[in-house]
Amino acid sequence: MWGLAKKSIEAGCWEKILQIRAVLQWNRLTLVKPPSLESEAGSGALPFLMASDSSVHTSIGDADRCRTKMYKLVVMGSCCVGKSALTMQLIQNRFVAEYDPTIEDSYRQQTVVDGEPCQLDILDTTGAEEYAYLQDQFMRWGEGFLCVYAVDDVHSLENVYDLRNHLQRIKDTSHVPMVMVANKTDQDNWRVDSTLGLEVAKSFGVPFVETSAKTGKGVEQAFHELVREIRRSCKEELKYLADAEHHKGCGFKRCTIQ
């Protein structure tokens, strides 16, 4: 079983964790599965989430399918923090000055992170309260989360706390791949300084990146750092599964003969 886990690490395929868990048949270890979107299909809601599930690479033996790893990234945050502008700066290398409230937009990009080819499936989500009910769908779909606040908006930083807590509840784990992003650093009217943002990120145990969607500063770094977080989480998960398999005969505890 450890041999299978080791091959999965080398291939870098996050989806194989589900297959390993199925083989081990551990009732105590479960992953949150994407919810059924059949009810939304009739209304045309969330078409990207529905389409993406069919393109996930799950084949263990097919080298071609695993050559380019897919990463499902979700950009989240309050309204007007620059989520869409960050995404467009990454995808099209341009700054979109006009503000057009987003409900849900999807993008796909081929890139290379630390020498490994990647396909980024990016979901740019709404921060509007009237669409808060969609957050659970976004969170269940995503593997990693870019949690964005604006340095000129203190309340947007407070919202990051709420997003993180919600993520942990939905994913049923305290270890969710996440990068905390301080956007609009090109502006002069900062109300959240770098020190505070960094302290919050350290308390979460996640990377912190300062960005400017206008100048492009830190944008690629933020998304690439999120890919690295997903990879780290994948390796930790596989190591945990391998260690648990090694000790499963004693219920994950060492036996002591009295």
Protein backbone atom coordinates (compact mmCIF):
# COMPACT_ATOMS: atom_id res chain seq x y z
CA MET A 1 0.00 0.00 0.00
CA TRP A 2 2.88 2.37 0.74
CA GLY A 3 4.22 1.65 -2.75
CA LEU A 4 0.96 2.90 -4.21
CA ALA A 5 1.09 6.00 -2.04
CA LYS A 6 4.66 6.71 -3.09
CA LYS A 7 3.74 6.49 -6.78
CA SER A 8 0.87 8.87 -6.14
CA ILE A 9 3.23 11.42 -4.62
CA GLU A 10 5.52 11.23 -7.62
CA ALA A 11 2.62 11.68 -10.03
CA GLY A 12 1.26 14.50 -7.93
CA CYS A 13 -2.34 13.44 -8.47
CA TRP A 14 -4.54 14.65 -5.64
CA GLU A 15 -7.52 12.60 -6.82
CA LYS A 16 -5.70 9.33 -6.07
CA ILE A 17 -6.20 9.96 -2.37
CA LEU A 18 -9.84 9.02 -2.85
CA GLN A 19 -8.82 5.76 -4.52
CA ILE A 20 -6.36 4.94 -1.75
CA ARG A 21 -9.04 5.58 0.86
CA ALA A 22 -11.44 3.29 -0.96
CA VAL A 23 -8.88 0.48 -0.87
CA LEU A 24 -8.12 0.98 2.80
CA GLN A 25 -11.84 1.13 3.64
CA TRP A 26 -11.40 3.29 6.71
CA ASN A 27 -14.64 4.52 8.09
CA ARG A 28 -12.86 7.03 10.25
CA LEU A 29 -11.20 8.76 7.30
CA THR A 30 -13.46 10.59 4.86
CA LEU A 31 -13.12 13.39 2.35
CA VAL A 32 -15.88 15.90 1.62
CA LYS A 33 -17.39 14.94 -1.72
CA PRO A 34 -18.80 17.52 -4.12
CA PRO A 35 -22.55 17.93 -3.65
CA SER A 36 -24.99 16.91 -6.31
CA LEU A 37 -25.63 19.78 -8.66
CA GLU A 38 -28.60 18.20 -10.39
CA SER A 39 -30.96 20.72 -8.84
CA GLU A 40 -28.94 23.58 -10.33
CA ALA A 41 -28.68 21.96 -13.76
CA GLY A 42 -32.20 22.89 -14.72
CA SER A 43 -31.64 26.55 -13.91
CA GLY A 44 -28.25 26.68 -15.60
CA ALA A 45 -26.48 27.61 -12.34
CA LEU A 46 -22.83 26.78 -11.75
CA PRO A 47 -22.11 25.28 -15.21
CA PHE A 48 -18.35 25.40 -14.59
CA LEU A 49 -18.58 23.27 -11.46
CA MET A 50 -20.63 20.67 -13.28
CA ALA A 51 -18.37 20.54 -16.32
CA SER A 52 -15.10 20.42 -14.40
CA ASP A 53 -15.87 17.20 -12.52
CA SER A 54 -15.88 15.26 -15.81
CA SER A 55 -12.39 16.47 -16.72
CA VAL A 56 -10.63 15.55 -13.47
CA HIS A 57 -7.71 13.19 -14.08
CA THR A 58 -8.32 10.06 -12.05
CA SER A 59 -6.53 7.34 -14.02
CA ILE A 60 -3.60 5.78 -12.18
CA GLY A 61 -2.06 3.91 -15.10
CA ASP A 62 -2.50 6.52 -17.85
CA ALA A 63 0.69 8.59 -17.86
CA ASP A 64 -0.66 11.05 -20.43
CA ARG A 65 -3.63 11.96 -18.24
CA CYS A 66 -1.43 12.56 -15.22
CA ARG A 67 1.30 14.48 -17.02
CA THR A 68 -0.47 17.81 -16.50
CA LYS A 69 -1.96 18.07 -13.05
CA MET A 70 -5.22 19.95 -12.63
CA TYR A 71 -5.65 22.30 -9.69
CA LYS A 72 -9.04 23.69 -8.69
CA LEU A 73 -8.52 27.20 -7.30
CA VAL A 74 -11.23 29.41 -5.83
CA VAL A 75 -10.81 33.19 -5.42
CA MET A 76 -12.86 34.42 -2.47
CA GLY A 77 -13.34 37.64 -0.51
CA SER A 78 -15.64 40.58 0.13
CA CYS A 79 -17.11 42.73 -2.61
CA CYS A 80 -14.78 45.25 -4.27
CA VAL A 81 -11.49 43.77 -3.03
CA GLY A 82 -10.30 43.08 -6.58
CA LYS A 83 -10.90 39.34 -6.97
CA SER A 84 -11.86 39.58 -10.65
CA ALA A 85 -9.08 42.09 -11.35
CA LEU A 86 -6.50 39.71 -9.87
CA THR A 87 -7.82 36.82 -11.94
CA MET A 88 -7.85 38.84 -15.16
CA GLN A 89 -4.34 40.12 -14.49
CA LEU A 90 -3.15 36.51 -14.23
CA ILE A 91 -5.10 35.20 -17.23
CA GLN A 92 -4.87 38.14 -19.64
CA ASN A 93 -2.01 40.19 -18.17
CA ARG A 94 -4.13 43.34 -18.06
CA PHE A 95 -5.91 45.45 -15.47
CA VAL A 96 -9.67 45.75 -15.69
CA ALA A 97 -10.62 49.08 -14.14
CA GLU A 98 -14.39 48.78 -14.57
CA TYR A 99 -16.21 47.15 -11.68
CA ASP A 100 -18.72 44.54 -12.77
CA PRO A 101 -20.15 42.55 -9.82
CA THR A 102 -19.41 38.85 -10.22
CA ILE A 103 -21.65 35.92 -9.39
CA GLU A 104 -19.38 33.20 -10.70
CA ASP A 105 -16.83 33.29 -13.54
CA SER A 106 -14.49 30.49 -14.54
CA TYR A 107 -11.11 30.52 -16.23
CA ARG A 108 -8.51 27.96 -17.27
CA GLN A 109 -4.78 28.46 -17.71
CA GLN A 110 -1.79 26.27 -18.51
CA THR A 111 1.31 27.20 -16.55
CA VAL A 112 4.42 25.79 -14.91
CA VAL A 113 5.02 25.88 -11.15
CA ASP A 114 8.45 24.83 -9.88
CA GLY A 115 9.18 23.04 -13.14
CA GLU A 116 5.93 21.04 -13.17
CA PRO A 117 3.28 21.69 -15.87
CA CYS A 118 -0.10 22.60 -14.37
CA GLN A 119 -3.62 23.33 -15.48
CA LEU A 120 -5.28 25.92 -13.26
CA ASP A 121 -9.06 25.81 -13.14
CA ILE A 122 -9.91 29.12 -11.46
CA LEU A 123 -13.30 30.07 -10.07
CA ASP A 124 -13.81 33.79 -9.46
CA THR A 125 -16.64 34.00 -6.92
CA THR A 126 -19.08 36.57 -5.63
CA GLY A 127 -18.66 38.43 -2.37
CA ALA A 128 -22.25 39.68 -2.31
CA GLU A 129 -24.30 38.62 0.70
CA GLU A 130 -27.36 37.81 -1.42
CA TYR A 131 -25.37 35.00 -3.07
CA ALA A 132 -23.84 33.68 0.14
CA TYR A 133 -25.75 30.42 -0.31
CA LEU A 134 -23.45 29.60 -3.24
CA GLN A 135 -20.33 29.61 -1.07
CA ASP A 136 -20.81 26.04 0.09
CA GLN A 137 -20.82 24.86 -3.53
CA PHE A 138 -17.65 26.80 -4.32
CA MET A 139 -15.88 25.52 -1.22
CA ARG A 140 -16.76 21.88 -1.82
CA TRP A 141 -15.54 22.10 -5.40
CA GLY A 142 -12.23 23.81 -4.71
CA GLU A 143 -8.92 22.30 -3.67
CA GLY A 144 -7.22 25.57 -2.76
CA PHE A 145 -8.47 29.01 -1.84
CA LEU A 146 -7.15 32.50 -2.47
CA CYS A 147 -8.68 34.57 0.33
CA VAL A 148 -8.43 38.22 -0.69
CA TYR A 149 -8.82 41.43 1.27
CA ALA A 150 -8.13 45.04 0.29
CA VAL A 151 -5.62 47.11 2.24
CA ASP A 152 -8.03 50.07 2.15
CA ASP A 153 -10.89 48.11 3.74
CA VAL A 154 -10.62 46.82 7.31
CA HIS A 155 -13.93 44.97 7.08
CA SER A 156 -12.64 42.91 4.17
CA LEU A 157 -9.88 41.58 6.44
CA GLU A 158 -12.47 40.67 9.06
CA ASN A 159 -14.33 38.73 6.37
CA VAL A 160 -11.26 36.59 5.78
CA TYR A 161 -11.70 35.22 9.32
CA ASP A 162 -15.27 34.23 8.50
CA LEU A 163 -14.25 32.63 5.21
CA ARG A 164 -11.55 30.55 6.86
CA ASN A 165 -13.89 29.32 9.59
CA HIS A 166 -16.51 28.44 7.00
CA LEU A 167 -13.95 26.60 4.90
CA GLN A 168 -12.87 24.48 7.85
CA ARG A 169 -16.47 23.53 8.58
CA ILE A 170 -17.25 22.65 4.97
CA LYS A 171 -14.04 20.68 4.44
CA ASP A 172 -14.24 19.17 7.94
CA THR A 173 -10.56 19.83 8.57
CA SER A 174 -8.41 22.57 10.04
CA HIS A 175 -5.84 22.11 7.25
CA VAL A 176 -7.28 23.70 4.12
CA PRO A 177 -4.86 24.82 1.37
CA MET A 178 -5.15 28.61 1.45
CA VAL A 179 -3.19 31.74 0.64
CA MET A 180 -4.03 35.07 2.23
CA VAL A 181 -3.79 37.96 -0.24
CA ALA A 182 -3.56 41.68 0.55
CA ASN A 183 -4.67 43.45 -2.63
CA LYS A 184 -4.64 47.09 -3.83
CA THR A 185 -1.17 47.74 -2.43
CA ASP A 186 -0.64 50.38 -5.14
CA GLN A 187 -3.05 52.71 -3.34
CA ASP A 188 -2.05 55.35 -0.80
CA ASN A 189 -4.95 55.14 1.65
CA TRP A 190 -3.92 51.95 3.47
CA ARG A 191 -6.07 51.09 6.48
CA VAL A 192 -4.54 47.65 7.05
CA ASP A 193 -0.77 47.68 7.26
CA SER A 194 1.48 44.83 6.18
CA THR A 195 2.38 43.85 9.74
CA LEU A 196 -1.24 43.17 10.68
CA GLY A 197 -1.90 41.16 7.54
CA LEU A 198 1.23 39.09 8.06
CA GLU A 199 0.34 38.43 11.71
CA VAL A 200 -3.12 37.21 10.73
CA ALA A 201 -1.68 34.91 8.06
CA LYS A 202 0.83 33.49 10.57
CA SER A 203 -1.98 32.81 13.03
CA PHE A 204 -3.75 30.86 10.27
CA GLY A 205 -0.55 29.06 9.33
CA VAL A 206 -0.86 30.08 5.66
CA PRO A 207 1.30 32.04 3.18
CA PHE A 208 0.80 35.80 2.89
CA VAL A 209 1.21 37.66 -0.41
CA GLU A 210 0.82 41.38 -1.11
CA THR A 211 -0.57 42.12 -4.57
CA SER A 212 -1.66 44.87 -6.89
CA ALA A 213 -4.06 43.86 -9.64
CA LYS A 214 -3.30 47.22 -11.25
CA THR A 215 0.47 46.84 -11.54
CA GLY A 216 0.61 43.05 -11.53
CA LYS A 217 2.74 42.95 -8.38
CA GLY A 218 2.58 39.56 -6.64
CA VAL A 219 -0.33 38.23 -8.74
CA GLU A 220 1.39 35.21 -10.28
CA GLN A 221 3.19 34.60 -6.98
CA ALA A 222 -0.12 34.35 -5.12
CA PHE A 223 -1.62 31.76 -7.47
CA HIS A 224 1.58 29.74 -7.70
CA GLU A 225 1.93 29.73 -3.92
CA LEU A 226 -1.57 28.29 -3.69
CA VAL A 227 -0.56 25.45 -6.02
CA ARG A 228 2.37 24.73 -3.72
CA GLU A 229 0.02 24.66 -0.73
CA ILE A 230 -2.19 22.08 -2.45
CA ARG A 231 0.85 19.96 -3.24
CA ARG A 232 2.05 20.14 0.37
CA SER A 233 -1.39 19.19 1.62
CA CYS A 234 -1.53 16.27 -0.79
CA LYS A 235 1.82 14.90 0.36
CA GLU A 236 0.90 15.28 4.03
CA GLU A 237 -2.37 13.48 3.43
CA LEU A 238 -0.68 10.59 1.65
CA LYS A 239 1.96 10.32 4.37
CA TYR A 240 -0.77 10.25 7.01
CA LEU A 241 -2.61 7.51 5.14
CA ALA A 242 0.57 5.45 4.80
CA ASP A 243 1.43 5.85 8.51
CA ALA A 244 -2.12 4.98 9.51
CA GLU A 245 -2.04 1.87 7.32
CA HIS A 246 1.21 0.83 9.00
CA HIS A 247 -0.41 1.02 12.45
CA LYS A 248 -3.98 0.04 11.57
CA GLY A 249 -3.66 -3.38 13.19
CA CYS A 250 -3.66 -1.65 16.57
CA GLY A 251 -6.32 0.91 15.80
CA PHE A 252 -3.68 3.57 14.97
CA LYS A 253 -2.15 3.15 18.46
CA ARG A 254 0.94 1.27 19.58
CA CYS A 255 0.21 -1.88 21.58
CA THR A 256 1.76 -2.25 25.03
CA ILE A 257 1.82 -5.72 26.63
CA GLN A 258 1.29 -5.40 30.38
